[in-house]
Amino acid sequence: MIRIRLLSLVTGMTALALVTATPAEAQFGGIVYDPTNYAQNVLTATRSLQQINNQITQIQNQAQSLINQARNLANLPTNVLAPIQQDIDRTRQLIGQAQQIAYKVENIDQVFRQRYPSGSLAGTSNGALVGNAQTRWTDALAAYQDTLRIGATATGNIDGTRNQMGTLVTASQSATGALQAAQAGNQLIALETRQLADLTALVAAQSRAQSIESARAASDEAQGREQTRRFLTPGSGYSAQSVALFHD
């Protein structure tokens, strides 16, 4: 405001000098006054002042640019990555603690060769048939329990998800620079990734339980056919015998 007033004053003086200037020269007490020269000096001063004003404006713009750059480089003070990772680790631990049949290809292949054979059961003893049937029932029961545990964990994470999402959205809306906004967005993506991990684990557990139950049903059916065959096979199955209930 001061620069504008000073510039207006100098400009007014310049205009007045140009209006009153005459080609003639006046002499006062031995001092020669040249109005034209005076007007030129005032114009020169005005231009210099305008240049100074331009330089000041340029410096202010540069300072504001530096302030904006500093804001864009400021880190987001909010960080919810640690609790997100803890939730994911809990789900991973449940997957690693899967009962009976683990989430590993080699373990699945080994278990199926032992308890869910696809070939003939003719060479398997009756005791082995009964034992495998009992173990298969245990496999199915454990798989359903694992599914419930993972489902309970995913459901328990909902409250944490709500709180973390609210914190990140608030931080994103109050971000002072591009970096803070980007960091808030990245953490929101991490939160979504955790939700997808819970959903993936739950779907995998449900699929595992259904697959084990289907395999158990197929194996029990095959075992039932084998036991029926043995029962009906002459010489090796059941043979009627006379039994005396009373003695003379």
C-alpha atoms as a PDB file:
ATOM      1  CA  MET A   1       0.000   0.000   0.000  1.00  0.00           C
ATOM      2  CA  ILE A   2       2.882   2.373   0.838  1.00  0.00           C
ATOM      3  CA  ARG A   3       4.580   1.591  -2.483  1.00  0.00           C
ATOM      4  CA  ILE A   4       1.348   2.324  -4.359  1.00  0.00           C
ATOM      5  CA  ARG A   5       0.910   5.682  -2.612  1.00  0.00           C
ATOM      6  CA  LEU A   6       4.535   6.644  -3.237  1.00  0.00           C
ATOM      7  CA  LEU A   7       4.231   5.682  -6.879  1.00  0.00           C
ATOM      8  CA  SER A   8       1.049   7.754  -7.210  1.00  0.00           C
ATOM      9  CA  LEU A   9       2.727  10.736  -5.587  1.00  0.00           C
ATOM     10  CA  VAL A  10       5.753  10.564  -7.852  1.00  0.00           C
ATOM     11  CA  THR A  11       3.554  10.094 -10.913  1.00  0.00           C
ATOM     12  CA  GLY A  12       1.497  13.121  -9.929  1.00  0.00           C
ATOM     13  CA  MET A  13       4.603  15.216  -9.485  1.00  0.00           C
ATOM     14  CA  THR A  14       5.820  14.095 -12.882  1.00  0.00           C
ATOM     15  CA  ALA A  15       2.579  15.063 -14.542  1.00  0.00           C
ATOM     16  CA  LEU A  16       2.604  18.451 -12.803  1.00  0.00           C
ATOM     17  CA  ALA A  17       6.163  19.050 -13.886  1.00  0.00           C
ATOM     18  CA  LEU A  18       5.348  18.198 -17.475  1.00  0.00           C
ATOM     19  CA  VAL A  19       2.369  20.546 -17.473  1.00  0.00           C
ATOM     20  CA  THR A  20       4.243  23.498 -15.964  1.00  0.00           C
ATOM     21  CA  ALA A  21       7.410  22.907 -17.927  1.00  0.00           C
ATOM     22  CA  THR A  22       8.303  25.615 -20.486  1.00  0.00           C
ATOM     23  CA  PRO A  23      11.223  25.904 -22.857  1.00  0.00           C
ATOM     24  CA  ALA A  24      12.487  28.948 -20.969  1.00  0.00           C
ATOM     25  CA  GLU A  25      14.948  28.665 -18.144  1.00  0.00           C
ATOM     26  CA  ALA A  26      14.570  30.553 -14.848  1.00  0.00           C
ATOM     27  CA  GLN A  27      17.353  31.675 -12.599  1.00  0.00           C
ATOM     28  CA  PHE A  28      16.874  32.016  -8.866  1.00  0.00           C
ATOM     29  CA  GLY A  29      19.796  33.280  -6.790  1.00  0.00           C
ATOM     30  CA  GLY A  30      22.377  31.984  -9.233  1.00  0.00           C
ATOM     31  CA  ILE A  31      20.667  28.579  -9.547  1.00  0.00           C
ATOM     32  CA  VAL A  32      19.432  27.732 -12.997  1.00  0.00           C
ATOM     33  CA  TYR A  33      16.109  25.834 -12.978  1.00  0.00           C
ATOM     34  CA  ASP A  34      15.358  23.800 -16.066  1.00  0.00           C
ATOM     35  CA  PRO A  35      11.746  22.424 -15.916  1.00  0.00           C
ATOM     36  CA  THR A  36      12.378  19.998 -18.780  1.00  0.00           C
ATOM     37  CA  ASN A  37      15.405  18.478 -17.058  1.00  0.00           C
ATOM     38  CA  TYR A  38      13.473  18.267 -13.806  1.00  0.00           C
ATOM     39  CA  ALA A  39      10.638  16.433 -15.516  1.00  0.00           C
ATOM     40  CA  GLN A  40      13.053  13.933 -17.031  1.00  0.00           C
ATOM     41  CA  ASN A  41      14.611  13.280 -13.627  1.00  0.00           C
ATOM     42  CA  VAL A  42      11.192  12.684 -12.109  1.00  0.00           C
ATOM     43  CA  LEU A  43      10.326  10.249 -14.920  1.00  0.00           C
ATOM     44  CA  THR A  44      13.592   8.410 -14.341  1.00  0.00           C
ATOM     45  CA  ALA A  45      12.852   8.150 -10.611  1.00  0.00           C
ATOM     46  CA  THR A  46       9.373   6.860 -11.393  1.00  0.00           C
ATOM     47  CA  ARG A  47      10.723   4.144 -13.654  1.00  0.00           C
ATOM     48  CA  SER A  48      13.295   3.147 -11.022  1.00  0.00           C
ATOM     49  CA  LEU A  49      10.593   2.931  -8.390  1.00  0.00           C
ATOM     50  CA  GLN A  50       8.486   0.784 -10.722  1.00  0.00           C
ATOM     51  CA  GLN A  51      11.415  -1.558 -11.255  1.00  0.00           C
ATOM     52  CA  ILE A  52      11.908  -1.830  -7.500  1.00  0.00           C
ATOM     53  CA  ASN A  53       8.239  -2.634  -7.062  1.00  0.00           C
ATOM     54  CA  ASN A  54       8.495  -5.327  -9.733  1.00  0.00           C
ATOM     55  CA  GLN A  55      11.529  -6.823  -8.025  1.00  0.00           C
ATOM     56  CA  ILE A  56       9.732  -6.853  -4.666  1.00  0.00           C
ATOM     57  CA  THR A  57       6.732  -8.602  -6.248  1.00  0.00           C
ATOM     58  CA  GLN A  58       9.025 -11.145  -7.862  1.00  0.00           C
ATOM     59  CA  ILE A  59      10.739 -11.859  -4.529  1.00  0.00           C
ATOM     60  CA  GLN A  60       7.346 -12.288  -2.849  1.00  0.00           C
ATOM     61  CA  ASN A  61       6.287 -14.757  -5.539  1.00  0.00           C
ATOM     62  CA  GLN A  62       9.500 -16.700  -5.126  1.00  0.00           C
ATOM     63  CA  ALA A  63       9.046 -16.792  -1.352  1.00  0.00           C
ATOM     64  CA  GLN A  64       5.480 -18.078  -1.766  1.00  0.00           C
ATOM     65  CA  SER A  65       6.726 -20.708  -4.207  1.00  0.00           C
ATOM     66  CA  LEU A  66       9.290 -21.894  -1.646  1.00  0.00           C
ATOM     67  CA  ILE A  67       6.565 -22.056   1.010  1.00  0.00           C
ATOM     68  CA  ASN A  68       4.390 -24.142  -1.307  1.00  0.00           C
ATOM     69  CA  GLN A  69       7.303 -26.449  -2.092  1.00  0.00           C
ATOM     70  CA  ALA A  70       7.950 -26.911   1.618  1.00  0.00           C
ATOM     71  CA  ARG A  71       4.293 -27.813   2.142  1.00  0.00           C
ATOM     72  CA  ASN A  72       4.413 -30.286  -0.739  1.00  0.00           C
ATOM     73  CA  LEU A  73       7.448 -31.972   0.816  1.00  0.00           C
ATOM     74  CA  ALA A  74       5.995 -32.207   4.333  1.00  0.00           C
ATOM     75  CA  ASN A  75       5.362 -35.747   5.576  1.00  0.00           C
ATOM     76  CA  LEU A  76       1.933 -36.866   6.760  1.00  0.00           C
ATOM     77  CA  PRO A  77       1.937 -36.973  10.593  1.00  0.00           C
ATOM     78  CA  THR A  78      -0.625 -39.816  10.590  1.00  0.00           C
ATOM     79  CA  ASN A  79       0.557 -43.396  10.038  1.00  0.00           C
ATOM     80  CA  VAL A  80      -1.705 -46.442  10.446  1.00  0.00           C
ATOM     81  CA  LEU A  81       0.531 -48.879   8.575  1.00  0.00           C
ATOM     82  CA  ALA A  82       1.628 -50.708  11.740  1.00  0.00           C
ATOM     83  CA  PRO A  83      -1.876 -51.762  12.878  1.00  0.00           C
ATOM     84  CA  ILE A  84      -2.752 -52.742   9.300  1.00  0.00           C
ATOM     85  CA  GLN A  85       0.281 -55.022   9.180  1.00  0.00           C
ATOM     86  CA  GLN A  86      -0.643 -56.485  12.578  1.00  0.00           C
ATOM     87  CA  ASP A  87      -4.113 -57.389  11.291  1.00  0.00           C
ATOM     88  CA  ILE A  88      -2.599 -59.064   8.233  1.00  0.00           C
ATOM     89  CA  ASP A  89      -0.139 -60.975  10.424  1.00  0.00           C
ATOM     90  CA  ARG A  90      -2.995 -62.325  12.572  1.00  0.00           C
ATOM     91  CA  THR A  91      -4.742 -63.654   9.479  1.00  0.00           C
ATOM     92  CA  ARG A  92      -1.486 -65.184   8.225  1.00  0.00           C
ATOM     93  CA  GLN A  93      -0.985 -66.912  11.578  1.00  0.00           C
ATOM     94  CA  LEU A  94      -4.432 -68.484  11.357  1.00  0.00           C
ATOM     95  CA  ILE A  95      -3.658 -69.761   7.874  1.00  0.00           C
ATOM     96  CA  GLY A  96      -0.386 -71.211   9.139  1.00  0.00           C
ATOM     97  CA  GLN A  97      -2.225 -72.908  12.035  1.00  0.00           C
ATOM     98  CA  ALA A  98      -4.617 -74.795   9.745  1.00  0.00           C
ATOM     99  CA  GLN A  99      -5.483 -78.148  11.324  1.00  0.00           C
ATOM    100  CA  GLN A 100      -5.120 -81.602   9.773  1.00  0.00           C
ATOM    101  CA  ILE A 101      -4.530 -80.448   6.170  1.00  0.00           C
ATOM    102  CA  ALA A 102      -2.228 -77.439   5.694  1.00  0.00           C
ATOM    103  CA  TYR A 103      -2.360 -74.874   2.898  1.00  0.00           C
ATOM    104  CA  LYS A 104       0.621 -76.523   1.201  1.00  0.00           C
ATOM    105  CA  VAL A 105       0.594 -78.509  -2.003  1.00  0.00           C
ATOM    106  CA  GLU A 106       3.006 -81.179  -0.740  1.00  0.00           C
ATOM    107  CA  ASN A 107       0.976 -81.698   2.444  1.00  0.00           C
ATOM    108  CA  ILE A 108      -2.280 -81.995   0.489  1.00  0.00           C
ATOM    109  CA  ASP A 109      -0.786 -84.550  -1.896  1.00  0.00           C
ATOM    110  CA  GLN A 110       0.589 -86.624   0.960  1.00  0.00           C
ATOM    111  CA  VAL A 111      -2.676 -86.600   2.926  1.00  0.00           C
ATOM    112  CA  PHE A 112      -4.747 -87.543  -0.114  1.00  0.00           C
ATOM    113  CA  ARG A 113      -2.480 -90.486  -0.920  1.00  0.00           C
ATOM    114  CA  GLN A 114      -2.966 -91.789   2.622  1.00  0.00           C
ATOM    115  CA  ARG A 115      -6.581 -90.991   3.510  1.00  0.00           C
ATOM    116  CA  TYR A 116      -8.290 -90.172   0.207  1.00  0.00           C
ATOM    117  CA  PRO A 117      -6.994 -92.820  -2.229  1.00  0.00           C
ATOM    118  CA  SER A 118      -8.366 -92.719  -5.740  1.00  0.00           C
ATOM    119  CA  GLY A 119      -7.512 -96.299  -6.646  1.00  0.00           C
ATOM    120  CA  SER A 120      -8.849 -99.661  -5.548  1.00  0.00           C
ATOM    121  CA  LEU A 121      -9.347-100.336  -1.844  1.00  0.00           C
ATOM    122  CA  ALA A 122      -9.192-104.114  -2.249  1.00  0.00           C
ATOM    123  CA  GLY A 123      -5.798-104.378  -0.596  1.00  0.00           C
ATOM    124  CA  THR A 124      -6.674-102.142   2.370  1.00  0.00           C
ATOM    125  CA  SER A 125      -7.454-103.884   5.646  1.00  0.00           C
ATOM    126  CA  ASN A 126     -10.734-103.365   7.413  1.00  0.00           C
ATOM    127  CA  GLY A 127      -8.961-101.653  10.274  1.00  0.00           C
ATOM    128  CA  ALA A 128      -7.281 -99.199   7.890  1.00  0.00           C
ATOM    129  CA  LEU A 129     -10.609 -98.461   6.213  1.00  0.00           C
ATOM    130  CA  VAL A 130     -12.231 -97.628   9.515  1.00  0.00           C
ATOM    131  CA  GLY A 131      -9.250 -95.559  10.668  1.00  0.00           C
ATOM    132  CA  ASN A 132      -9.152 -93.531   7.434  1.00  0.00           C
ATOM    133  CA  ALA A 133     -12.860 -92.855   7.654  1.00  0.00           C
ATOM    134  CA  GLN A 134     -12.453 -91.532  11.182  1.00  0.00           C
ATOM    135  CA  THR A 135      -9.509 -89.331  10.154  1.00  0.00           C
ATOM    136  CA  ARG A 136     -11.416 -87.945   7.175  1.00  0.00           C
ATOM    137  CA  TRP A 137     -14.262 -86.958   9.475  1.00  0.00           C
ATOM    138  CA  THR A 138     -11.738 -85.196  11.706  1.00  0.00           C
ATOM    139  CA  ASP A 139     -10.315 -83.381   8.644  1.00  0.00           C
ATOM    140  CA  ALA A 140     -13.732 -82.047   7.687  1.00  0.00           C
ATOM    141  CA  LEU A 141     -14.577 -80.956  11.226  1.00  0.00           C
ATOM    142  CA  ALA A 142     -11.231 -79.152  11.632  1.00  0.00           C
ATOM    143  CA  ALA A 143     -11.635 -77.403   8.278  1.00  0.00           C
ATOM    144  CA  TYR A 144     -14.996 -75.998   9.322  1.00  0.00           C
ATOM    145  CA  GLN A 145     -13.502 -74.815  12.592  1.00  0.00           C
ATOM    146  CA  ASP A 146     -10.646 -73.096  10.751  1.00  0.00           C
ATOM    147  CA  THR A 147     -13.173 -71.341   8.514  1.00  0.00           C
ATOM    148  CA  LEU A 148     -15.075 -70.031  11.527  1.00  0.00           C
ATOM    149  CA  ARG A 149     -11.870 -68.764  13.129  1.00  0.00           C
ATOM    150  CA  ILE A 150     -10.807 -66.863  10.017  1.00  0.00           C
ATOM    151  CA  GLY A 151     -14.318 -65.488   9.608  1.00  0.00           C
ATOM    152  CA  ALA A 152     -14.300 -64.298  13.215  1.00  0.00           C
ATOM    153  CA  THR A 153     -10.936 -62.595  12.697  1.00  0.00           C
ATOM    154  CA  ALA A 154     -12.112 -60.842   9.533  1.00  0.00           C
ATOM    155  CA  THR A 155     -15.248 -59.682  11.323  1.00  0.00           C
ATOM    156  CA  GLY A 156     -13.209 -58.450  14.277  1.00  0.00           C
ATOM    157  CA  ASN A 157     -11.142 -56.286  11.937  1.00  0.00           C
ATOM    158  CA  ILE A 158     -14.206 -54.273  10.877  1.00  0.00           C
ATOM    159  CA  ASP A 159     -14.068 -51.925  13.873  1.00  0.00           C
ATOM    160  CA  GLY A 160     -10.369 -51.303  13.314  1.00  0.00           C
ATOM    161  CA  THR A 161     -11.009 -50.678   9.630  1.00  0.00           C
ATOM    162  CA  ARG A 162     -13.654 -48.085  10.460  1.00  0.00           C
ATOM    163  CA  ASN A 163     -11.367 -46.196  12.845  1.00  0.00           C
ATOM    164  CA  GLN A 164      -8.370 -46.319  10.527  1.00  0.00           C
ATOM    165  CA  MET A 165     -10.420 -45.194   7.541  1.00  0.00           C
ATOM    166  CA  GLY A 166     -11.807 -42.229   9.492  1.00  0.00           C
ATOM    167  CA  THR A 167      -8.323 -41.222  10.595  1.00  0.00           C
ATOM    168  CA  LEU A 168      -6.908 -41.396   7.070  1.00  0.00           C
ATOM    169  CA  VAL A 169      -9.817 -39.544   5.445  1.00  0.00           C
ATOM    170  CA  THR A 170      -9.491 -36.751   8.006  1.00  0.00           C
ATOM    171  CA  ALA A 171      -5.736 -36.573   7.418  1.00  0.00           C
ATOM    172  CA  SER A 172      -6.268 -36.490   3.651  1.00  0.00           C
ATOM    173  CA  GLN A 173      -8.795 -33.654   3.865  1.00  0.00           C
ATOM    174  CA  SER A 174      -6.475 -31.601   6.080  1.00  0.00           C
ATOM    175  CA  ALA A 175      -3.326 -32.322   4.028  1.00  0.00           C
ATOM    176  CA  THR A 176      -1.246 -29.175   3.430  1.00  0.00           C
ATOM    177  CA  GLY A 177       0.689 -30.444   0.422  1.00  0.00           C
ATOM    178  CA  ALA A 178       0.849 -32.954  -2.375  1.00  0.00           C
ATOM    179  CA  LEU A 179       3.108 -35.347  -0.439  1.00  0.00           C
ATOM    180  CA  GLN A 180       0.755 -35.532   2.534  1.00  0.00           C
ATOM    181  CA  ALA A 181      -2.223 -36.136   0.246  1.00  0.00           C
ATOM    182  CA  ALA A 182      -0.309 -38.882  -1.604  1.00  0.00           C
ATOM    183  CA  GLN A 183       0.770 -40.545   1.646  1.00  0.00           C
ATOM    184  CA  ALA A 184      -2.803 -40.527   2.954  1.00  0.00           C
ATOM    185  CA  GLY A 185      -3.937 -42.092  -0.321  1.00  0.00           C
ATOM    186  CA  ASN A 186      -1.237 -44.764  -0.095  1.00  0.00           C
ATOM    187  CA  GLN A 187      -2.313 -45.711   3.416  1.00  0.00           C
ATOM    188  CA  LEU A 188      -5.936 -45.928   2.300  1.00  0.00           C
ATOM    189  CA  ILE A 189      -4.796 -48.328  -0.433  1.00  0.00           C
ATOM    190  CA  ALA A 190      -2.941 -50.371   2.205  1.00  0.00           C
ATOM    191  CA  LEU A 191      -6.152 -50.505   4.245  1.00  0.00           C
ATOM    192  CA  GLU A 192      -8.067 -51.764   1.211  1.00  0.00           C
ATOM    193  CA  THR A 193      -5.331 -54.349   0.629  1.00  0.00           C
ATOM    194  CA  ARG A 194      -5.790 -55.604   4.196  1.00  0.00           C
ATOM    195  CA  GLN A 195      -9.517 -55.958   3.597  1.00  0.00           C
ATOM    196  CA  LEU A 196      -8.841 -57.886   0.393  1.00  0.00           C
ATOM    197  CA  ALA A 197      -6.410 -60.126   2.290  1.00  0.00           C
ATOM    198  CA  ASP A 198      -9.112 -60.919   4.877  1.00  0.00           C
ATOM    199  CA  LEU A 199     -11.618 -61.635   2.122  1.00  0.00           C
ATOM    200  CA  THR A 200      -9.126 -63.836   0.257  1.00  0.00           C
ATOM    201  CA  ALA A 201      -8.329 -65.811   3.413  1.00  0.00           C
ATOM    202  CA  LEU A 202     -12.022 -66.307   4.182  1.00  0.00           C
ATOM    203  CA  VAL A 203     -12.842 -67.441   0.650  1.00  0.00           C
ATOM    204  CA  ALA A 204      -9.853 -69.807   0.683  1.00  0.00           C
ATOM    205  CA  ALA A 205     -10.934 -71.269   4.038  1.00  0.00           C
ATOM    206  CA  GLN A 206     -14.488 -71.807   2.847  1.00  0.00           C
ATOM    207  CA  SER A 207     -13.273 -73.418  -0.358  1.00  0.00           C
ATOM    208  CA  ARG A 208     -10.900 -75.627   1.628  1.00  0.00           C
ATOM    209  CA  ALA A 209     -13.673 -76.801   3.951  1.00  0.00           C
ATOM    210  CA  GLN A 210     -16.019 -77.534   1.062  1.00  0.00           C
ATOM    211  CA  SER A 211     -13.306 -79.380  -0.857  1.00  0.00           C
ATOM    212  CA  ILE A 212     -12.377 -81.521   2.145  1.00  0.00           C
ATOM    213  CA  GLU A 213     -16.045 -82.344   2.773  1.00  0.00           C
ATOM    214  CA  SER A 214     -16.556 -83.281  -0.881  1.00  0.00           C
ATOM    215  CA  ALA A 215     -13.430 -85.450  -0.827  1.00  0.00           C
ATOM    216  CA  ARG A 216     -14.611 -87.108   2.387  1.00  0.00           C
ATOM    217  CA  ALA A 217     -18.007 -87.884   0.842  1.00  0.00           C
ATOM    218  CA  ALA A 218     -16.383 -89.363  -2.274  1.00  0.00           C
ATOM    219  CA  SER A 219     -13.944 -91.461  -0.232  1.00  0.00           C
ATOM    220  CA  ASP A 220     -16.677 -92.677   2.119  1.00  0.00           C
ATOM    221  CA  GLU A 221     -18.743 -93.693  -0.888  1.00  0.00           C
ATOM    222  CA  ALA A 222     -15.836 -95.645  -2.349  1.00  0.00           C
ATOM    223  CA  GLN A 223     -15.177 -97.252   1.025  1.00  0.00           C
ATOM    224  CA  GLY A 224     -18.846 -98.157   1.373  1.00  0.00           C
ATOM    225  CA  ARG A 225     -18.790 -99.939  -1.976  1.00  0.00           C
ATOM    226  CA  GLU A 226     -15.668-101.864  -0.982  1.00  0.00           C
ATOM    227  CA  GLN A 227     -17.118-102.921   2.341  1.00  0.00           C
ATOM    228  CA  THR A 228     -20.347-103.994   0.632  1.00  0.00           C
ATOM    229  CA  ARG A 229     -18.346-106.040  -1.871  1.00  0.00           C
ATOM    230  CA  ARG A 230     -16.469-107.766   0.918  1.00  0.00           C
ATOM    231  CA  PHE A 231     -19.681-108.466   2.775  1.00  0.00           C
ATOM    232  CA  LEU A 232     -21.267-110.075  -0.267  1.00  0.00           C
ATOM    233  CA  THR A 233     -18.201-111.986  -1.472  1.00  0.00           C
ATOM    234  CA  PRO A 234     -18.626-115.746  -0.831  1.00  0.00           C
ATOM    235  CA  GLY A 235     -16.045-117.224   1.487  1.00  0.00           C
ATOM    236  CA  SER A 236     -14.793-113.926   2.751  1.00  0.00           C
ATOM    237  CA  GLY A 237     -17.968-112.188   3.734  1.00  0.00           C
ATOM    238  CA  TYR A 238     -20.672-113.031   6.196  1.00  0.00           C
ATOM    239  CA  SER A 239     -21.749-116.699   6.487  1.00  0.00           C
ATOM    240  CA  ALA A 240     -24.809-117.847   8.395  1.00  0.00           C
ATOM    241  CA  GLN A 241     -24.261-120.197  11.319  1.00  0.00           C
ATOM    242  CA  SER A 242     -26.650-122.089  13.537  1.00  0.00           C
ATOM    243  CA  VAL A 243     -26.697-120.886  17.070  1.00  0.00           C
ATOM    244  CA  ALA A 244     -28.163-122.800  20.009  1.00  0.00           C
ATOM    245  CA  LEU A 245     -29.861-120.515  22.406  1.00  0.00           C
ATOM    246  CA  PHE A 246     -30.995-123.198  24.857  1.00  0.00           C
ATOM    247  CA  HIS A 247     -29.324-126.368  25.990  1.00  0.00           C
ATOM    248  CA  ASP A 248     -31.122-129.570  26.996  1.00  0.00           C
END
